[in-house]
């Protein structure tokens, strides 16, 4: 019997950088201390030998970050369109080879929006483009106890932030009747990088968003809401607050958005019809 065919994956390097570095500091008492600080590296993205932009990143998941960036910018329609992603930290660059080139590249790069993300992210094209075509799963619901389970798992998760601060974290979790299971937790110097890296991993692992919860430590801006909607994720949770545009877009697409979520406290801002209050 023939073995089942493995899902297609592009040729990838495995070029993660160390997430933290040790430096010397002096505390308030004048005593020397060794302190962990977060890494930060420029990574210039080339697609089919054409320079696109430079990302500032922790460097922990550069291949997934690159794929997710191209996905969330709507420059690539499928993981099958990517032939290879090769990271070379000697020159601080990542080279992407595609099968058919990037879709509408000149038109999209002609219009750039500087986002409110840490590290100042860039979105090509119209932020609201194609958002009317987003369809989140109509029957998905989130139980209050599942939310509490997610927040507790995030609290216990070992993170770079606990070692060094200076980073944002994003998690993708399964929304199951018996609780939330964290599938991946990504940290980076900007929350836009962390969400892109998760989007890239979802493509690589062929994961759909309809039964998932997305958690972020950062504020819920329009960019975060749009990217999660494009990934098909109906539930967006943050320990931080939100912006007016983030609120309006979440309402428009029918996303359940929860902010100020810590321990057993939260604020349900949008999508209340999907939320089941009380015990699971």
C-alpha atoms as a PDB file:
ATOM      1  CA  UNK A   1       0.000   0.000   0.000  1.00  0.00           C
ATOM      2  CA  UNK A   2       1.347   3.414  -0.911  1.00  0.00           C
ATOM      3  CA  UNK A   3       1.989   5.825   1.923  1.00  0.00           C
ATOM      4  CA  UNK A   4      -0.326   8.871   1.985  1.00  0.00           C
ATOM      5  CA  UNK A   5       1.086  11.878   0.178  1.00  0.00           C
ATOM      6  CA  UNK A   6       2.569  14.513   2.478  1.00  0.00           C
ATOM      7  CA  UNK A   7       1.194  18.053   2.123  1.00  0.00           C
ATOM      8  CA  UNK A   8       3.386  20.283  -0.005  1.00  0.00           C
ATOM      9  CA  UNK A   9       5.957  22.407   1.811  1.00  0.00           C
ATOM     10  CA  UNK A  10       8.378  24.824   0.177  1.00  0.00           C
ATOM     11  CA  UNK A  11      12.110  24.408   0.679  1.00  0.00           C
ATOM     12  CA  UNK A  12      12.921  26.174   3.958  1.00  0.00           C
ATOM     13  CA  UNK A  13      15.998  27.065   5.924  1.00  0.00           C
ATOM     14  CA  UNK A  14      15.920  26.664   9.705  1.00  0.00           C
ATOM     15  CA  UNK A  15      17.627  29.887  10.654  1.00  0.00           C
ATOM     16  CA  UNK A  16      16.169  30.977  13.993  1.00  0.00           C
ATOM     17  CA  UNK A  17      18.314  33.445  15.911  1.00  0.00           C
ATOM     18  CA  UNK A  18      18.752  33.336  19.698  1.00  0.00           C
ATOM     19  CA  UNK A  19      15.819  35.179  21.222  1.00  0.00           C
ATOM     20  CA  UNK A  20      17.736  36.747  24.116  1.00  0.00           C
ATOM     21  CA  UNK A  21      21.244  38.048  24.740  1.00  0.00           C
ATOM     22  CA  UNK A  22      23.049  38.732  28.015  1.00  0.00           C
ATOM     23  CA  UNK A  23      24.436  42.202  28.710  1.00  0.00           C
ATOM     24  CA  UNK A  24      25.889  43.979  31.710  1.00  0.00           C
ATOM     25  CA  UNK A  25      23.868  46.572  33.599  1.00  0.00           C
ATOM     26  CA  UNK A  26      24.071  48.405  36.913  1.00  0.00           C
ATOM     27  CA  UNK A  27      21.091  48.417  39.255  1.00  0.00           C
ATOM     28  CA  UNK A  28      19.804  51.207  41.500  1.00  0.00           C
ATOM     29  CA  UNK A  29      22.273  50.208  44.235  1.00  0.00           C
ATOM     30  CA  UNK A  30      25.266  50.472  41.917  1.00  0.00           C
ATOM     31  CA  UNK A  31      25.664  46.704  41.781  1.00  0.00           C
ATOM     32  CA  UNK A  32      26.599  45.051  38.451  1.00  0.00           C
ATOM     33  CA  UNK A  33      24.108  42.582  37.051  1.00  0.00           C
ATOM     34  CA  UNK A  34      23.841  40.295  34.059  1.00  0.00           C
ATOM     35  CA  UNK A  35      20.528  40.969  32.323  1.00  0.00           C
ATOM     36  CA  UNK A  36      18.742  39.199  29.467  1.00  0.00           C
ATOM     37  CA  UNK A  37      17.539  41.472  26.665  1.00  0.00           C
ATOM     38  CA  UNK A  38      15.478  40.668  23.581  1.00  0.00           C
ATOM     39  CA  UNK A  39      17.154  40.317  20.218  1.00  0.00           C
ATOM     40  CA  UNK A  40      16.313  42.639  17.342  1.00  0.00           C
ATOM     41  CA  UNK A  41      17.567  42.148  13.798  1.00  0.00           C
ATOM     42  CA  UNK A  42      16.868  43.689  10.391  1.00  0.00           C
ATOM     43  CA  UNK A  43      15.620  41.165   7.837  1.00  0.00           C
ATOM     44  CA  UNK A  44      15.332  42.428   4.263  1.00  0.00           C
ATOM     45  CA  UNK A  45      12.759  40.538   2.222  1.00  0.00           C
ATOM     46  CA  UNK A  46      13.541  39.750  -1.417  1.00  0.00           C
ATOM     47  CA  UNK A  47      10.928  38.095  -3.608  1.00  0.00           C
ATOM     48  CA  UNK A  48      12.161  36.698  -6.921  1.00  0.00           C
ATOM     49  CA  UNK A  49      15.298  38.858  -6.486  1.00  0.00           C
ATOM     50  CA  UNK A  50      13.260  42.036  -5.984  1.00  0.00           C
ATOM     51  CA  UNK A  51      13.665  43.883  -2.690  1.00  0.00           C
ATOM     52  CA  UNK A  52      10.330  44.418  -0.970  1.00  0.00           C
ATOM     53  CA  UNK A  53      11.027  45.856   2.496  1.00  0.00           C
ATOM     54  CA  UNK A  54      13.022  45.377   5.701  1.00  0.00           C
ATOM     55  CA  UNK A  55      11.386  43.898   8.812  1.00  0.00           C
ATOM     56  CA  UNK A  56      12.755  44.392  12.318  1.00  0.00           C
ATOM     57  CA  UNK A  57      12.375  41.075  14.094  1.00  0.00           C
ATOM     58  CA  UNK A  58      13.389  38.963  17.052  1.00  0.00           C
ATOM     59  CA  UNK A  59      14.522  36.402  14.485  1.00  0.00           C
ATOM     60  CA  UNK A  60      12.997  33.411  16.256  1.00  0.00           C
ATOM     61  CA  UNK A  61      10.837  32.264  13.320  1.00  0.00           C
ATOM     62  CA  UNK A  62      12.048  34.114  10.204  1.00  0.00           C
ATOM     63  CA  UNK A  63      10.734  31.633   7.626  1.00  0.00           C
ATOM     64  CA  UNK A  64       7.218  31.533   9.094  1.00  0.00           C
ATOM     65  CA  UNK A  65       7.281  35.322   9.515  1.00  0.00           C
ATOM     66  CA  UNK A  66       8.140  35.770   5.836  1.00  0.00           C
ATOM     67  CA  UNK A  67       5.415  33.405   4.632  1.00  0.00           C
ATOM     68  CA  UNK A  68       2.826  34.920   6.952  1.00  0.00           C
ATOM     69  CA  UNK A  69       3.754  38.430   5.890  1.00  0.00           C
ATOM     70  CA  UNK A  70       3.191  37.576   2.224  1.00  0.00           C
ATOM     71  CA  UNK A  71      -0.066  35.839   3.136  1.00  0.00           C
ATOM     72  CA  UNK A  72      -1.474  38.667   5.248  1.00  0.00           C
ATOM     73  CA  UNK A  73      -0.483  41.259   2.652  1.00  0.00           C
ATOM     74  CA  UNK A  74      -2.495  39.198   0.136  1.00  0.00           C
ATOM     75  CA  UNK A  75       0.537  39.034  -2.143  1.00  0.00           C
ATOM     76  CA  UNK A  76       0.480  35.222  -2.241  1.00  0.00           C
ATOM     77  CA  UNK A  77      -2.735  33.210  -2.626  1.00  0.00           C
ATOM     78  CA  UNK A  78      -1.483  29.800  -1.474  1.00  0.00           C
ATOM     79  CA  UNK A  79       1.482  28.127   0.190  1.00  0.00           C
ATOM     80  CA  UNK A  80       1.729  26.108  -3.044  1.00  0.00           C
ATOM     81  CA  UNK A  81       2.822  29.293  -4.843  1.00  0.00           C
ATOM     82  CA  UNK A  82       6.031  29.482  -2.774  1.00  0.00           C
ATOM     83  CA  UNK A  83       8.981  27.408  -4.001  1.00  0.00           C
ATOM     84  CA  UNK A  84      11.585  28.295  -1.367  1.00  0.00           C
ATOM     85  CA  UNK A  85      12.276  30.584   1.594  1.00  0.00           C
ATOM     86  CA  UNK A  86      15.974  30.976   2.364  1.00  0.00           C
ATOM     87  CA  UNK A  87      17.219  33.083   5.311  1.00  0.00           C
ATOM     88  CA  UNK A  88      20.853  34.255   5.431  1.00  0.00           C
ATOM     89  CA  UNK A  89      21.751  36.169   8.596  1.00  0.00           C
ATOM     90  CA  UNK A  90      25.240  36.926   7.258  1.00  0.00           C
ATOM     91  CA  UNK A  91      23.561  39.512   5.050  1.00  0.00           C
ATOM     92  CA  UNK A  92      20.361  39.935   7.142  1.00  0.00           C
ATOM     93  CA  UNK A  93      18.159  38.890   4.244  1.00  0.00           C
ATOM     94  CA  UNK A  94      15.511  36.363   3.275  1.00  0.00           C
ATOM     95  CA  UNK A  95      15.043  35.287  -0.316  1.00  0.00           C
ATOM     96  CA  UNK A  96      11.688  33.974  -1.514  1.00  0.00           C
ATOM     97  CA  UNK A  97      11.267  32.178  -4.806  1.00  0.00           C
ATOM     98  CA  UNK A  98       7.728  31.935  -6.161  1.00  0.00           C
ATOM     99  CA  UNK A  99       6.152  30.020  -9.030  1.00  0.00           C
ATOM    100  CA  UNK A 100       4.310  32.895 -10.682  1.00  0.00           C
ATOM    101  CA  UNK A 101       5.518  36.094  -9.030  1.00  0.00           C
ATOM    102  CA  UNK A 102       3.620  38.288  -6.587  1.00  0.00           C
ATOM    103  CA  UNK A 103       0.057  39.276  -7.380  1.00  0.00           C
ATOM    104  CA  UNK A 104      -0.441  42.947  -8.357  1.00  0.00           C
ATOM    105  CA  UNK A 105       2.859  43.871  -6.708  1.00  0.00           C
ATOM    106  CA  UNK A 106       3.368  47.265  -8.342  1.00  0.00           C
ATOM    107  CA  UNK A 107      -0.195  48.394  -7.652  1.00  0.00           C
ATOM    108  CA  UNK A 108      -0.103  47.220  -4.046  1.00  0.00           C
ATOM    109  CA  UNK A 109       3.308  48.628  -3.149  1.00  0.00           C
ATOM    110  CA  UNK A 110       2.349  51.992  -4.644  1.00  0.00           C
ATOM    111  CA  UNK A 111       0.102  52.538  -1.631  1.00  0.00           C
ATOM    112  CA  UNK A 112       1.589  51.957   1.807  1.00  0.00           C
ATOM    113  CA  UNK A 113       0.060  52.425   5.246  1.00  0.00           C
ATOM    114  CA  UNK A 114       2.316  52.764   8.288  1.00  0.00           C
ATOM    115  CA  UNK A 115       0.525  50.874  11.034  1.00  0.00           C
ATOM    116  CA  UNK A 116       0.423  51.533  14.763  1.00  0.00           C
ATOM    117  CA  UNK A 117       2.326  48.318  15.502  1.00  0.00           C
ATOM    118  CA  UNK A 118       5.513  48.341  17.567  1.00  0.00           C
ATOM    119  CA  UNK A 119       8.434  48.676  15.182  1.00  0.00           C
ATOM    120  CA  UNK A 120       6.056  50.501  12.806  1.00  0.00           C
ATOM    121  CA  UNK A 121       4.717  47.879  10.453  1.00  0.00           C
ATOM    122  CA  UNK A 122       3.798  48.483   6.839  1.00  0.00           C
ATOM    123  CA  UNK A 123       0.646  47.315   5.083  1.00  0.00           C
ATOM    124  CA  UNK A 124       0.571  47.425   1.279  1.00  0.00           C
ATOM    125  CA  UNK A 125      -2.639  48.384  -0.479  1.00  0.00           C
ATOM    126  CA  UNK A 126      -5.953  49.368   1.062  1.00  0.00           C
ATOM    127  CA  UNK A 127      -6.419  48.159   4.646  1.00  0.00           C
ATOM    128  CA  UNK A 128     -10.081  47.471   3.945  1.00  0.00           C
ATOM    129  CA  UNK A 129      -9.565  45.729   0.611  1.00  0.00           C
ATOM    130  CA  UNK A 130     -11.420  42.398   0.390  1.00  0.00           C
ATOM    131  CA  UNK A 131     -12.741  42.692   3.969  1.00  0.00           C
ATOM    132  CA  UNK A 132     -16.306  42.560   2.613  1.00  0.00           C
ATOM    133  CA  UNK A 133     -15.519  39.078   1.291  1.00  0.00           C
ATOM    134  CA  UNK A 134     -14.475  37.689   4.688  1.00  0.00           C
ATOM    135  CA  UNK A 135     -16.852  35.023   5.984  1.00  0.00           C
ATOM    136  CA  UNK A 136     -16.250  33.812   9.524  1.00  0.00           C
ATOM    137  CA  UNK A 137     -17.892  30.512  10.581  1.00  0.00           C
ATOM    138  CA  UNK A 138     -21.482  31.269  11.551  1.00  0.00           C
ATOM    139  CA  UNK A 139     -21.935  28.505  14.109  1.00  0.00           C
ATOM    140  CA  UNK A 140     -18.740  28.963  16.127  1.00  0.00           C
ATOM    141  CA  UNK A 141     -19.173  29.750  19.833  1.00  0.00           C
ATOM    142  CA  UNK A 142     -16.786  30.385  22.715  1.00  0.00           C
ATOM    143  CA  UNK A 143     -17.581  29.301  26.277  1.00  0.00           C
ATOM    144  CA  UNK A 144     -16.569  31.563  29.142  1.00  0.00           C
ATOM    145  CA  UNK A 145     -14.802  28.667  30.868  1.00  0.00           C
ATOM    146  CA  UNK A 146     -12.768  28.005  27.701  1.00  0.00           C
ATOM    147  CA  UNK A 147     -11.687  31.646  27.729  1.00  0.00           C
ATOM    148  CA  UNK A 148     -10.589  31.299  31.368  1.00  0.00           C
ATOM    149  CA  UNK A 149      -8.689  28.124  30.491  1.00  0.00           C
ATOM    150  CA  UNK A 150      -6.861  29.941  27.689  1.00  0.00           C
ATOM    151  CA  UNK A 151      -5.905  32.855  29.942  1.00  0.00           C
ATOM    152  CA  UNK A 152      -4.542  30.473  32.574  1.00  0.00           C
ATOM    153  CA  UNK A 153      -2.507  28.537  29.993  1.00  0.00           C
ATOM    154  CA  UNK A 154      -1.069  31.785  28.647  1.00  0.00           C
ATOM    155  CA  UNK A 155      -0.215  32.902  32.198  1.00  0.00           C
ATOM    156  CA  UNK A 156       1.720  29.694  32.844  1.00  0.00           C
ATOM    157  CA  UNK A 157       3.455  29.643  29.454  1.00  0.00           C
ATOM    158  CA  UNK A 158       7.212  30.180  29.532  1.00  0.00           C
ATOM    159  CA  UNK A 159       7.899  33.311  27.529  1.00  0.00           C
ATOM    160  CA  UNK A 160      10.731  35.524  26.396  1.00  0.00           C
ATOM    161  CA  UNK A 161       8.818  38.428  27.947  1.00  0.00           C
ATOM    162  CA  UNK A 162       9.281  36.924  31.421  1.00  0.00           C
ATOM    163  CA  UNK A 163      13.045  36.778  30.818  1.00  0.00           C
ATOM    164  CA  UNK A 164      13.673  40.075  29.107  1.00  0.00           C
ATOM    165  CA  UNK A 165      10.504  42.075  28.416  1.00  0.00           C
ATOM    166  CA  UNK A 166      10.434  44.227  25.263  1.00  0.00           C
ATOM    167  CA  UNK A 167       8.404  41.787  23.125  1.00  0.00           C
ATOM    168  CA  UNK A 168       4.808  41.059  22.217  1.00  0.00           C
ATOM    169  CA  UNK A 169       3.357  37.559  22.203  1.00  0.00           C
ATOM    170  CA  UNK A 170       0.615  35.915  20.158  1.00  0.00           C
ATOM    171  CA  UNK A 171      -0.923  32.484  20.634  1.00  0.00           C
ATOM    172  CA  UNK A 172      -3.089  30.249  18.493  1.00  0.00           C
ATOM    173  CA  UNK A 173      -5.298  27.927  20.504  1.00  0.00           C
ATOM    174  CA  UNK A 174      -7.890  25.266  19.780  1.00  0.00           C
ATOM    175  CA  UNK A 175     -11.381  26.175  20.940  1.00  0.00           C
ATOM    176  CA  UNK A 176     -12.506  22.817  22.354  1.00  0.00           C
ATOM    177  CA  UNK A 177     -15.498  21.958  24.582  1.00  0.00           C
ATOM    178  CA  UNK A 178     -13.165  20.785  27.349  1.00  0.00           C
ATOM    179  CA  UNK A 179     -10.870  23.807  27.229  1.00  0.00           C
ATOM    180  CA  UNK A 180      -8.277  25.615  25.146  1.00  0.00           C
ATOM    181  CA  UNK A 181      -5.058  24.023  23.925  1.00  0.00           C
ATOM    182  CA  UNK A 182      -2.249  26.325  22.806  1.00  0.00           C
ATOM    183  CA  UNK A 183      -0.928  25.104  19.450  1.00  0.00           C
ATOM    184  CA  UNK A 184       1.728  27.760  19.019  1.00  0.00           C
ATOM    185  CA  UNK A 185       3.023  30.790  20.901  1.00  0.00           C
ATOM    186  CA  UNK A 186       5.158  33.295  19.004  1.00  0.00           C
ATOM    187  CA  UNK A 187       6.899  36.388  20.358  1.00  0.00           C
ATOM    188  CA  UNK A 188       8.519  39.213  18.439  1.00  0.00           C
ATOM    189  CA  UNK A 189       9.462  42.855  18.811  1.00  0.00           C
ATOM    190  CA  UNK A 190       6.178  43.845  17.152  1.00  0.00           C
ATOM    191  CA  UNK A 191       2.788  42.229  17.445  1.00  0.00           C
ATOM    192  CA  UNK A 192       2.333  42.477  13.663  1.00  0.00           C
ATOM    193  CA  UNK A 193       5.382  40.191  13.265  1.00  0.00           C
ATOM    194  CA  UNK A 194       4.028  37.681  15.763  1.00  0.00           C
ATOM    195  CA  UNK A 195       0.640  37.436  14.041  1.00  0.00           C
ATOM    196  CA  UNK A 196       2.327  37.070  10.652  1.00  0.00           C
ATOM    197  CA  UNK A 197       4.544  34.246  11.941  1.00  0.00           C
ATOM    198  CA  UNK A 198       1.477  32.385  13.200  1.00  0.00           C
ATOM    199  CA  UNK A 199      -0.244  32.929   9.843  1.00  0.00           C
ATOM    200  CA  UNK A 200       2.810  31.452   8.128  1.00  0.00           C
ATOM    201  CA  UNK A 201       2.860  28.406  10.391  1.00  0.00           C
ATOM    202  CA  UNK A 202      -0.847  27.861   9.834  1.00  0.00           C
ATOM    203  CA  UNK A 203      -0.235  27.711   6.093  1.00  0.00           C
ATOM    204  CA  UNK A 204       2.732  25.386   6.494  1.00  0.00           C
ATOM    205  CA  UNK A 205       0.768  23.061   8.798  1.00  0.00           C
ATOM    206  CA  UNK A 206      -2.463  23.329   6.776  1.00  0.00           C
ATOM    207  CA  UNK A 207      -4.416  24.625   9.783  1.00  0.00           C
ATOM    208  CA  UNK A 208      -7.805  26.281   9.349  1.00  0.00           C
ATOM    209  CA  UNK A 209      -8.974  29.074  11.644  1.00  0.00           C
ATOM    210  CA  UNK A 210     -12.643  28.225  12.158  1.00  0.00           C
ATOM    211  CA  UNK A 211     -12.132  26.325  15.449  1.00  0.00           C
ATOM    212  CA  UNK A 212      -9.332  28.515  16.776  1.00  0.00           C
ATOM    213  CA  UNK A 213      -8.859  31.395  19.225  1.00  0.00           C
ATOM    214  CA  UNK A 214      -6.209  34.039  18.641  1.00  0.00           C
ATOM    215  CA  UNK A 215      -4.619  35.648  21.706  1.00  0.00           C
ATOM    216  CA  UNK A 216      -2.307  38.650  21.731  1.00  0.00           C
ATOM    217  CA  UNK A 217      -0.612  40.700  24.409  1.00  0.00           C
ATOM    218  CA  UNK A 218      -0.896  43.797  22.225  1.00  0.00           C
ATOM    219  CA  UNK A 219      -3.746  46.192  21.593  1.00  0.00           C
ATOM    220  CA  UNK A 220      -6.474  45.267  19.126  1.00  0.00           C
ATOM    221  CA  UNK A 221      -5.967  47.575  16.161  1.00  0.00           C
ATOM    222  CA  UNK A 222      -7.524  47.461  12.711  1.00  0.00           C
ATOM    223  CA  UNK A 223      -4.463  45.581  11.427  1.00  0.00           C
ATOM    224  CA  UNK A 224      -4.808  42.831  14.037  1.00  0.00           C
ATOM    225  CA  UNK A 225      -8.532  42.408  13.376  1.00  0.00           C
ATOM    226  CA  UNK A 226      -8.104  42.307   9.586  1.00  0.00           C
ATOM    227  CA  UNK A 227      -5.298  39.756   9.742  1.00  0.00           C
ATOM    228  CA  UNK A 228      -7.221  37.459  12.084  1.00  0.00           C
ATOM    229  CA  UNK A 229     -10.315  37.774   9.891  1.00  0.00           C
ATOM    230  CA  UNK A 230      -8.259  36.854   6.818  1.00  0.00           C
ATOM    231  CA  UNK A 231      -7.014  33.793   8.711  1.00  0.00           C
ATOM    232  CA  UNK A 232     -10.638  32.786   9.319  1.00  0.00           C
ATOM    233  CA  UNK A 233     -10.398  33.022  13.121  1.00  0.00           C
ATOM    234  CA  UNK A 234     -13.681  34.081  14.780  1.00  0.00           C
ATOM    235  CA  UNK A 235     -12.314  34.833  18.284  1.00  0.00           C
ATOM    236  CA  UNK A 236      -9.718  37.489  19.116  1.00  0.00           C
ATOM    237  CA  UNK A 237      -8.576  37.986  22.719  1.00  0.00           C
ATOM    238  CA  UNK A 238      -6.117  40.480  24.203  1.00  0.00           C
ATOM    239  CA  UNK A 239      -4.890  41.456  27.636  1.00  0.00           C
ATOM    240  CA  UNK A 240      -4.772  45.017  26.286  1.00  0.00           C
ATOM    241  CA  UNK A 241      -7.370  47.405  24.903  1.00  0.00           C
ATOM    242  CA  UNK A 242      -8.588  48.237  21.407  1.00  0.00           C
ATOM    243  CA  UNK A 243      -8.914  51.060  18.929  1.00  0.00           C
ATOM    244  CA  UNK A 244     -12.063  52.522  17.396  1.00  0.00           C
ATOM    245  CA  UNK A 245     -11.209  51.199  13.931  1.00  0.00           C
ATOM    246  CA  UNK A 246     -10.454  47.760  15.362  1.00  0.00           C
ATOM    247  CA  UNK A 247     -13.873  47.803  17.034  1.00  0.00           C
ATOM    248  CA  UNK A 248     -15.671  48.878  13.869  1.00  0.00           C
ATOM    249  CA  UNK A 249     -14.043  46.223  11.664  1.00  0.00           C
ATOM    250  CA  UNK A 250     -14.639  43.443  14.205  1.00  0.00           C
ATOM    251  CA  UNK A 251     -18.306  44.455  14.320  1.00  0.00           C
ATOM    252  CA  UNK A 252     -18.485  44.498  10.515  1.00  0.00           C
ATOM    253  CA  UNK A 253     -17.082  40.974  10.060  1.00  0.00           C
ATOM    254  CA  UNK A 254     -18.899  39.482  13.061  1.00  0.00           C
ATOM    255  CA  UNK A 255     -15.794  38.679  15.072  1.00  0.00           C
ATOM    256  CA  UNK A 256     -15.989  38.107  18.825  1.00  0.00           C
ATOM    257  CA  UNK A 257     -13.410  40.500  20.286  1.00  0.00           C
ATOM    258  CA  UNK A 258     -12.466  40.395  23.964  1.00  0.00           C
ATOM    259  CA  UNK A 259     -10.085  42.873  25.593  1.00  0.00           C
ATOM    260  CA  UNK A 260      -8.552  43.602  28.998  1.00  0.00           C
ATOM    261  CA  UNK A 261      -8.525  39.841  29.559  1.00  0.00           C
ATOM    262  CA  UNK A 262      -6.447  38.802  32.565  1.00  0.00           C
ATOM    263  CA  UNK A 263      -7.086  36.115  35.158  1.00  0.00           C
ATOM    264  CA  UNK A 264     -10.894  35.948  35.352  1.00  0.00           C
ATOM    265  CA  UNK A 265     -11.578  39.495  34.182  1.00  0.00           C
ATOM    266  CA  UNK A 266     -12.427  40.568  30.625  1.00  0.00           C
ATOM    267  CA  UNK A 267     -14.489  42.960  28.527  1.00  0.00           C
ATOM    268  CA  UNK A 268     -16.585  41.530  25.682  1.00  0.00           C
ATOM    269  CA  UNK A 269     -16.687  44.237  23.001  1.00  0.00           C
ATOM    270  CA  UNK A 270     -18.124  42.622  19.862  1.00  0.00           C
ATOM    271  CA  UNK A 271     -19.721  39.380  18.750  1.00  0.00           C
ATOM    272  CA  UNK A 272     -21.657  38.735  21.953  1.00  0.00           C
ATOM    273  CA  UNK A 273     -23.921  36.303  20.104  1.00  0.00           C
ATOM    274  CA  UNK A 274     -21.017  33.847  19.794  1.00  0.00           C
ATOM    275  CA  UNK A 275     -20.128  33.987  23.496  1.00  0.00           C
ATOM    276  CA  UNK A 276     -21.617  31.557  26.026  1.00  0.00           C
ATOM    277  CA  UNK A 277     -21.487  33.062  29.500  1.00  0.00           C
ATOM    278  CA  UNK A 278     -21.180  30.901  32.603  1.00  0.00           C
ATOM    279  CA  UNK A 279     -19.540  27.509  33.051  1.00  0.00           C
ATOM    280  CA  UNK A 280     -18.839  25.356  30.005  1.00  0.00           C
END
